[in-house]
PDB file of N, CA and C in Angstrom:
ATOM      1  N   MET A   1      78.404 102.378  76.870  1.00  0.00           N
ATOM      2  CA  MET A   1      77.735 101.161  77.254  1.00  0.00           C
ATOM      3  C   MET A   1      76.609 101.520  78.217  1.00  0.00           C
ATOM      4  N   LEU A   2      75.407 101.270  77.789  1.00  0.00           N
ATOM      5  CA  LEU A   2      74.258 101.657  78.583  1.00  0.00           C
ATOM      6  C   LEU A   2      73.665 100.521  79.401  1.00  0.00           C
ATOM      7  N   SER A   3      73.899  99.276  79.001  1.00  0.00           N
ATOM      8  CA  SER A   3      73.322  98.164  79.755  1.00  0.00           C
ATOM      9  C   SER A   3      74.135  97.919  81.030  1.00  0.00           C
ATOM     10  N   PRO A   4      73.509  97.395  82.076  1.00  0.00           N
ATOM     11  CA  PRO A   4      74.249  97.106  83.314  1.00  0.00           C
ATOM     12  C   PRO A   4      75.391  96.114  83.105  1.00  0.00           C
ATOM     13  N   VAL A   5      75.169  95.115  82.266  1.00  0.00           N
ATOM     14  CA  VAL A   5      76.230  94.134  82.006  1.00  0.00           C
ATOM     15  C   VAL A   5      77.382  94.790  81.267  1.00  0.00           C
ATOM     16  N   GLY A   6      77.068  95.628  80.297  1.00  0.00           N
ATOM     17  CA  GLY A   6      78.119  96.325  79.553  1.00  0.00           C
ATOM     18  C   GLY A   6      78.895  97.282  80.435  1.00  0.00           C
ATOM     19  N   CYS A   7      78.189  97.994  81.316  1.00  0.00           N
ATOM     20  CA  CYS A   7      78.871  98.910  82.232  1.00  0.00           C
ATOM     21  C   CYS A   7      79.768  98.144  83.187  1.00  0.00           C
ATOM     22  N   ASN A   8      79.294  97.003  83.680  1.00  0.00           N
ATOM     23  CA  ASN A   8      80.095  96.190  84.584  1.00  0.00           C
ATOM     24  C   ASN A   8      81.336  95.651  83.867  1.00  0.00           C
ATOM     25  N   ALA A   9      81.173  95.204  82.645  1.00  0.00           N
ATOM     26  CA  ALA A   9      82.312  94.696  81.875  1.00  0.00           C
ATOM     27  C   ALA A   9      83.324  95.809  81.621  1.00  0.00           C
ATOM     28  N   PHE A  10      82.832  96.979  81.270  1.00  0.00           N
ATOM     29  CA  PHE A  10      83.730  98.112  81.040  1.00  0.00           C
ATOM     30  C   PHE A  10      84.468  98.488  82.314  1.00  0.00           C
ATOM     31  N   TYR A  11      83.758  98.531  83.430  1.00  0.00           N
ATOM     32  CA  TYR A  11      84.396  98.870  84.697  1.00  0.00           C
ATOM     33  C   TYR A  11      85.486  97.857  85.050  1.00  0.00           C
ATOM     34  N   CYS A  12      85.184  96.570  84.924  1.00  0.00           N
ATOM     35  CA  CYS A  12      86.170  95.531  85.263  1.00  0.00           C
ATOM     36  C   CYS A  12      87.414  95.628  84.391  1.00  0.00           C
ATOM     37  N   THR A  13      87.213  95.796  83.099  1.00  0.00           N
ATOM     38  CA  THR A  13      88.379  95.854  82.206  1.00  0.00           C
ATOM     39  C   THR A  13      89.195  97.118  82.438  1.00  0.00           C
ATOM     40  N   SER A  14      88.546  98.236  82.716  1.00  0.00           N
ATOM     41  CA  SER A  14      89.315  99.458  82.950  1.00  0.00           C
ATOM     42  C   SER A  14      90.003  99.416  84.316  1.00  0.00           C
ATOM     43  N   PHE A  15      89.369  98.812  85.325  1.00  0.00           N
ATOM     44  CA  PHE A  15      89.976  98.714  86.643  1.00  0.00           C
ATOM     45  C   PHE A  15      91.230  97.848  86.611  1.00  0.00           C
ATOM     46  N   TYR A  16      91.171  96.718  85.918  1.00  0.00           N
ATOM     47  CA  TYR A  16      92.310  95.794  85.881  1.00  0.00           C
ATOM     48  C   TYR A  16      93.249  96.061  84.715  1.00  0.00           C
ATOM     49  N   GLY A  17      92.944  97.048  83.884  1.00  0.00           N
ATOM     50  CA  GLY A  17      93.825  97.391  82.770  1.00  0.00           C
ATOM     51  C   GLY A  17      93.826  96.355  81.667  1.00  0.00           C
ATOM     52  N   LEU A  18      92.682  95.773  81.383  1.00  0.00           N
ATOM     53  CA  LEU A  18      92.562  94.750  80.362  1.00  0.00           C
ATOM     54  C   LEU A  18      91.671  95.238  79.229  1.00  0.00           C
ATOM     55  N   SER A  19      91.664  94.505  78.131  1.00  0.00           N
ATOM     56  CA  SER A  19      90.728  94.804  77.052  1.00  0.00           C
ATOM     57  C   SER A  19      89.501  93.915  77.210  1.00  0.00           C
ATOM     58  N   ILE A  20      88.463  94.240  76.479  1.00  0.00           N
ATOM     59  CA  ILE A  20      87.233  93.443  76.534  1.00  0.00           C
ATOM     60  C   ILE A  20      87.517  91.995  76.124  1.00  0.00           C
ATOM     61  N   ALA A  21      88.455  91.777  75.222  1.00  0.00           N
ATOM     62  CA  ALA A  21      88.786  90.422  74.775  1.00  0.00           C
ATOM     63  C   ALA A  21      89.378  89.585  75.913  1.00  0.00           C
ATOM     64  N   ASP A  22      89.998  90.228  76.894  1.00  0.00           N
ATOM     65  CA  ASP A  22      90.620  89.513  78.010  1.00  0.00           C
ATOM     66  C   ASP A  22      89.694  89.380  79.212  1.00  0.00           C
ATOM     67  N   LEU A  23      88.420  89.690  79.035  1.00  0.00           N
ATOM     68  CA  LEU A  23      87.474  89.696  80.143  1.00  0.00           C
ATOM     69  C   LEU A  23      87.334  88.323  80.803  1.00  0.00           C
ATOM     70  N   ASP A  24      87.532  87.253  80.046  1.00  0.00           N
ATOM     71  CA  ASP A  24      87.346  85.913  80.607  1.00  0.00           C
ATOM     72  C   ASP A  24      88.419  85.526  81.622  1.00  0.00           C
ATOM     73  N   CYS A  25      89.523  86.272  81.692  1.00  0.00           N
ATOM     74  CA  CYS A  25      90.566  85.918  82.658  1.00  0.00           C
ATOM     75  C   CYS A  25      90.286  86.505  84.039  1.00  0.00           C
ATOM     76  N   ILE A  26      89.293  87.364  84.175  1.00  0.00           N
ATOM     77  CA  ILE A  26      88.973  87.947  85.478  1.00  0.00           C
ATOM     78  C   ILE A  26      88.132  86.961  86.266  1.00  0.00           C
ATOM     79  N   ASN A  27      88.701  86.471  87.341  1.00  0.00           N
ATOM     80  CA  ASN A  27      87.981  85.584  88.251  1.00  0.00           C
ATOM     81  C   ASN A  27      88.390  85.939  89.680  1.00  0.00           C
ATOM     82  N   LYS A  28      87.909  85.187  90.632  1.00  0.00           N
ATOM     83  CA  LYS A  28      88.178  85.481  92.038  1.00  0.00           C
ATOM     84  C   LYS A  28      89.671  85.445  92.351  1.00  0.00           C
ATOM     85  N   HIS A  29      90.390  84.473  91.828  1.00  0.00           N
ATOM     86  CA  HIS A  29      91.813  84.330  92.120  1.00  0.00           C
ATOM     87  C   HIS A  29      92.618  85.474  91.499  1.00  0.00           C
ATOM     88  N   PHE A  30      92.257  85.853  90.274  1.00  0.00           N
ATOM     89  CA  PHE A  30      92.927  86.954  89.597  1.00  0.00           C
ATOM     90  C   PHE A  30      92.718  88.254  90.372  1.00  0.00           C
ATOM     91  N   ALA A  31      91.477  88.514  90.775  1.00  0.00           N
ATOM     92  CA  ALA A  31      91.164  89.743  91.505  1.00  0.00           C
ATOM     93  C   ALA A  31      91.895  89.779  92.839  1.00  0.00           C
ATOM     94  N   TRP A  32      91.932  88.659  93.549  1.00  0.00           N
ATOM     95  CA  TRP A  32      92.623  88.601  94.840  1.00  0.00           C
ATOM     96  C   TRP A  32      94.109  88.883  94.678  1.00  0.00           C
ATOM     97  N   ARG A  33      94.728  88.292  93.657  1.00  0.00           N
ATOM     98  CA  ARG A  33      96.159  88.484  93.418  1.00  0.00           C
ATOM     99  C   ARG A  33      96.465  89.948  93.079  1.00  0.00           C
ATOM    100  N   VAL A  34      95.649  90.552  92.239  1.00  0.00           N
ATOM    101  CA  VAL A  34      95.860  91.948  91.872  1.00  0.00           C
ATOM    102  C   VAL A  34      95.705  92.857  93.082  1.00  0.00           C
ATOM    103  N   MET A  35      94.681  92.630  93.896  1.00  0.00           N
ATOM    104  CA  MET A  35      94.453  93.482  95.058  1.00  0.00           C
ATOM    105  C   MET A  35      95.571  93.338  96.086  1.00  0.00           C
ATOM    106  N   GLN A  36      96.105  92.131  96.249  1.00  0.00           N
ATOM    107  CA  GLN A  36      97.219  91.947  97.178  1.00  0.00           C
ATOM    108  C   GLN A  36      98.448  92.713  96.702  1.00  0.00           C
ATOM    109  N   GLN A  37      98.704  92.687  95.406  1.00  0.00           N
ATOM    110  CA  GLN A  37      99.875  93.368  94.874  1.00  0.00           C
ATOM    111  C   GLN A  37      99.715  94.884  94.919  1.00  0.00           C
ATOM    112  N   LEU A  38      98.515  95.378  94.694  1.00  0.00           N
ATOM    113  CA  LEU A  38      98.314  96.816  94.618  1.00  0.00           C
ATOM    114  C   LEU A  38      98.185  97.480  95.979  1.00  0.00           C
ATOM    115  N   GLU A  39      97.417  96.908  96.882  1.00  0.00           N
ATOM    116  CA  GLU A  39      97.079  97.618  98.097  1.00  0.00           C
ATOM    117  C   GLU A  39      97.772  97.102  99.344  1.00  0.00           C
ATOM    118  N   VAL A  40      97.913  95.823  99.483  1.00  0.00           N
ATOM    119  CA  VAL A  40      98.392  95.281 100.746  1.00  0.00           C
ATOM    120  C   VAL A  40      99.909  95.353 100.868  1.00  0.00           C
ATOM    121  N   ALA A  41     100.620  95.185  99.793  1.00  0.00           N
ATOM    122  CA  ALA A  41     102.079  95.138  99.877  1.00  0.00           C
ATOM    123  C   ALA A  41     102.696  96.385 100.495  1.00  0.00           C
ATOM    124  N   PRO A  42     102.309  97.597 100.101  1.00  0.00           N
ATOM    125  CA  PRO A  42     102.952  98.776 100.699  1.00  0.00           C
ATOM    126  C   PRO A  42     102.623  98.977 102.178  1.00  0.00           C
ATOM    127  N   ILE A  43     101.522  98.445 102.656  1.00  0.00           N
ATOM    128  CA  ILE A  43     101.137  98.684 104.046  1.00  0.00           C
ATOM    129  C   ILE A  43     101.167  97.415 104.886  1.00  0.00           C
ATOM    130  N   SER A  44     101.809  96.374 104.401  1.00  0.00           N
ATOM    131  CA  SER A  44     101.793  95.101 105.119  1.00  0.00           C
ATOM    132  C   SER A  44     102.458  95.202 106.486  1.00  0.00           C
ATOM    133  N   ASP A  45     103.511  96.021 106.634  1.00  0.00           N
ATOM    134  CA  ASP A  45     104.158  96.178 107.933  1.00  0.00           C
ATOM    135  C   ASP A  45     103.200  96.814 108.938  1.00  0.00           C
ATOM    136  N   SER A  46     102.489  97.842 108.498  1.00  0.00           N
ATOM    137  CA  SER A  46     101.517  98.487 109.393  1.00  0.00           C
ATOM    138  C   SER A  46     100.397  97.528 109.770  1.00  0.00           C
ATOM    139  N   LEU A  47      99.962  96.730 108.821  1.00  0.00           N
ATOM    140  CA  LEU A  47      98.907  95.762 109.115  1.00  0.00           C
ATOM    141  C   LEU A  47      99.369  94.733 110.136  1.00  0.00           C
ATOM    142  N   ASN A  48     100.600  94.290 110.023  1.00  0.00           N
ATOM    143  CA  ASN A  48     101.129  93.322 110.989  1.00  0.00           C
ATOM    144  C   ASN A  48     101.196  93.926 112.393  1.00  0.00           C
ATOM    145  N   VAL A  49     101.608  95.180 112.496  1.00  0.00           N
ATOM    146  CA  VAL A  49     101.662  95.846 113.796  1.00  0.00           C
ATOM    147  C   VAL A  49     100.256  95.984 114.372  1.00  0.00           C
ATOM    148  N   ILE A  50      99.293  96.353 113.530  1.00  0.00           N
ATOM    149  CA  ILE A  50      97.910  96.502 113.989  1.00  0.00           C
ATOM    150  C   ILE A  50      97.369  95.172 114.495  1.00  0.00           C
ATOM    151  N   VAL A  51      97.643  94.095 113.773  1.00  0.00           N
ATOM    152  CA  VAL A  51      97.174  92.768 114.205  1.00  0.00           C
ATOM    153  C   VAL A  51      97.775  92.398 115.555  1.00  0.00           C
ATOM    154  N   GLU A  52      99.069  92.649 115.719  1.00  0.00           N
ATOM    155  CA  GLU A  52      99.703  92.332 116.997  1.00  0.00           C
ATOM    156  C   GLU A  52      99.150  93.193 118.131  1.00  0.00           C
ATOM    157  N   LEU A  53      98.929  94.470 117.871  1.00  0.00           N
ATOM    158  CA  LEU A  53      98.364  95.340 118.913  1.00  0.00           C
ATOM    159  C   LEU A  53      96.933  94.944 119.268  1.00  0.00           C
ATOM    160  N   LEU A  54      96.164  94.519 118.293  1.00  0.00           N
ATOM    161  CA  LEU A  54      94.815  94.029 118.587  1.00  0.00           C
ATOM    162  C   LEU A  54      94.876  92.770 119.443  1.00  0.00           C
ATOM    163  N   GLY A  55      95.862  91.913 119.170  1.00  0.00           N
ATOM    164  CA  GLY A  55      96.051  90.731 120.000  1.00  0.00           C
ATOM    165  C   GLY A  55      96.386  91.095 121.438  1.00  0.00           C
ATOM    166  N   ILE A  56      97.202  92.134 121.619  1.00  0.00           N
ATOM    167  CA  ILE A  56      97.528  92.601 122.976  1.00  0.00           C
ATOM    168  C   ILE A  56      96.291  93.194 123.630  1.00  0.00           C
ATOM    169  N   LYS A  57      95.553  93.992 122.877  1.00  0.00           N
ATOM    170  CA  LYS A  57      94.370  94.659 123.432  1.00  0.00           C
ATOM    171  C   LYS A  57      93.314  93.662 123.896  1.00  0.00           C
ATOM    172  N   PHE A  58      93.135  92.590 123.144  1.00  0.00           N
ATOM    173  CA  PHE A  58      92.091  91.621 123.479  1.00  0.00           C
ATOM    174  C   PHE A  58      92.633  90.373 124.160  1.00  0.00           C
ATOM    175  N   ASN A  59      93.828  90.498 124.766  1.00  0.00           N
ATOM    176  CA  ASN A  59      94.420  89.496 125.648  1.00  0.00           C
ATOM    177  C   ASN A  59      94.753  88.159 124.998  1.00  0.00           C
ATOM    178  N   SER A  60      94.971  88.112 123.703  1.00  0.00           N
ATOM    179  CA  SER A  60      95.473  86.870 123.111  1.00  0.00           C
ATOM    180  C   SER A  60      97.001  86.911 122.997  1.00  0.00           C
ATOM    181  N   LEU A  61      97.590  88.093 123.123  1.00  0.00           N
ATOM    182  CA  LEU A  61      99.038  88.258 123.196  1.00  0.00           C
ATOM    183  C   LEU A  61      99.347  89.065 124.454  1.00  0.00           C
ATOM    184  N   TYR A  62     100.571  88.932 124.951  1.00  0.00           N
ATOM    185  CA  TYR A  62     100.933  89.610 126.190  1.00  0.00           C
ATOM    186  C   TYR A  62     102.177  90.453 125.967  1.00  0.00           C
ATOM    187  N   MET A  63     102.108  91.725 126.356  1.00  0.00           N
ATOM    188  CA  MET A  63     103.266  92.600 126.312  1.00  0.00           C
ATOM    189  C   MET A  63     103.219  93.489 127.552  1.00  0.00           C
ATOM    190  N   PRO A  64     104.068  93.234 128.528  1.00  0.00           N
ATOM    191  CA  PRO A  64     103.999  93.981 129.787  1.00  0.00           C
ATOM    192  C   PRO A  64     104.473  95.435 129.672  1.00  0.00           C
ATOM    193  N   LEU A  65     105.120  95.794 128.567  1.00  0.00           N
ATOM    194  CA  LEU A  65     105.660  97.145 128.438  1.00  0.00           C
ATOM    195  C   LEU A  65     104.598  98.193 128.132  1.00  0.00           C
ATOM    196  N   LEU A  66     103.463  97.781 127.585  1.00  0.00           N
ATOM    197  CA  LEU A  66     102.417  98.729 127.200  1.00  0.00           C
ATOM    198  C   LEU A  66     101.150  98.465 127.994  1.00  0.00           C
ATOM    199  N   ASN A  67     100.555  99.542 128.497  1.00  0.00           N
ATOM    200  CA  ASN A  67      99.261  99.370 129.158  1.00  0.00           C
ATOM    201  C   ASN A  67      98.141  99.553 128.119  1.00  0.00           C
ATOM    202  N   ASP A  68      96.913  99.362 128.550  1.00  0.00           N
ATOM    203  CA  ASP A  68      95.782  99.390 127.618  1.00  0.00           C
ATOM    204  C   ASP A  68      95.603 100.759 126.963  1.00  0.00           C
ATOM    205  N   ASP A  69      95.820 101.824 127.701  1.00  0.00           N
ATOM    206  CA  ASP A  69      95.688 103.167 127.134  1.00  0.00           C
ATOM    207  C   ASP A  69      96.722 103.432 126.044  1.00  0.00           C
ATOM    208  N   GLU A  70      97.937 102.973 126.260  1.00  0.00           N
ATOM    209  CA  GLU A  70      98.985 103.156 125.251  1.00  0.00           C
ATOM    210  C   GLU A  70      98.694 102.353 123.992  1.00  0.00           C
ATOM    211  N   VAL A  71      98.228 101.127 124.165  1.00  0.00           N
ATOM    212  CA  VAL A  71      97.875 100.293 123.009  1.00  0.00           C
ATOM    213  C   VAL A  71      96.736 100.947 122.232  1.00  0.00           C
ATOM    214  N   THR A  72      95.734 101.457 122.928  1.00  0.00           N
ATOM    215  CA  THR A  72      94.613 102.124 122.271  1.00  0.00           C
ATOM    216  C   THR A  72      95.081 103.367 121.525  1.00  0.00           C
ATOM    217  N   PHE A  73      95.977 104.144 122.112  1.00  0.00           N
ATOM    218  CA  PHE A  73      96.503 105.331 121.456  1.00  0.00           C
ATOM    219  C   PHE A  73      97.245 104.974 120.172  1.00  0.00           C
ATOM    220  N   ILE A  74      98.101 103.956 120.246  1.00  0.00           N
ATOM    221  CA  ILE A  74      98.876 103.547 119.073  1.00  0.00           C
ATOM    222  C   ILE A  74      97.940 103.040 117.973  1.00  0.00           C
ATOM    223  N   LEU A  75      96.946 102.238 118.344  1.00  0.00           N
ATOM    224  CA  LEU A  75      95.985 101.747 117.354  1.00  0.00           C
ATOM    225  C   LEU A  75      95.212 102.890 116.699  1.00  0.00           C
ATOM    226  N   ASP A  76      94.785 103.850 117.495  1.00  0.00           N
ATOM    227  CA  ASP A  76      94.067 105.009 116.937  1.00  0.00           C
ATOM    228  C   ASP A  76      94.955 105.756 115.955  1.00  0.00           C
ATOM    229  N   PHE A  77      96.216 105.934 116.315  1.00  0.00           N
ATOM    230  CA  PHE A  77      97.145 106.648 115.441  1.00  0.00           C
ATOM    231  C   PHE A  77      97.363 105.887 114.128  1.00  0.00           C
ATOM    232  N   LEU A  78      97.620 104.583 114.227  1.00  0.00           N
ATOM    233  CA  LEU A  78      97.886 103.796 113.022  1.00  0.00           C
ATOM    234  C   LEU A  78      96.666 103.690 112.113  1.00  0.00           C
ATOM    235  N   CYS A  79      95.499 103.621 112.704  1.00  0.00           N
ATOM    236  CA  CYS A  79      94.284 103.423 111.906  1.00  0.00           C
ATOM    237  C   CYS A  79      93.752 104.731 111.309  1.00  0.00           C
ATOM    238  N   THR A  80      94.209 105.866 111.785  1.00  0.00           N
ATOM    239  CA  THR A  80      93.712 107.124 111.249  1.00  0.00           C
ATOM    240  C   THR A  80      94.758 107.889 110.465  1.00  0.00           C
ATOM    241  N   SER A  81      95.981 107.402 110.396  1.00  0.00           N
ATOM    242  CA  SER A  81      97.006 108.118 109.636  1.00  0.00           C
ATOM    243  C   SER A  81      97.231 107.484 108.281  1.00  0.00           C
TER     244      SER A  81
END
């Protein structure tokens, strides 16, 4: 497929594991659902911890057990591992 539209259609169908005939089912809701199932589910616990630590770091949540340096260290570790 040499045209940009053809290349885009081929990429979408191969990414989602569909045939060209099923191309009409790809929309925003379908893509969001697939991405949530593929990428977010295995790391959702880590994401929740990161969100909570960011809340502590920027003073929207309070945790007296950790100081700012410890929160920054944990965030750096979680975001780079």
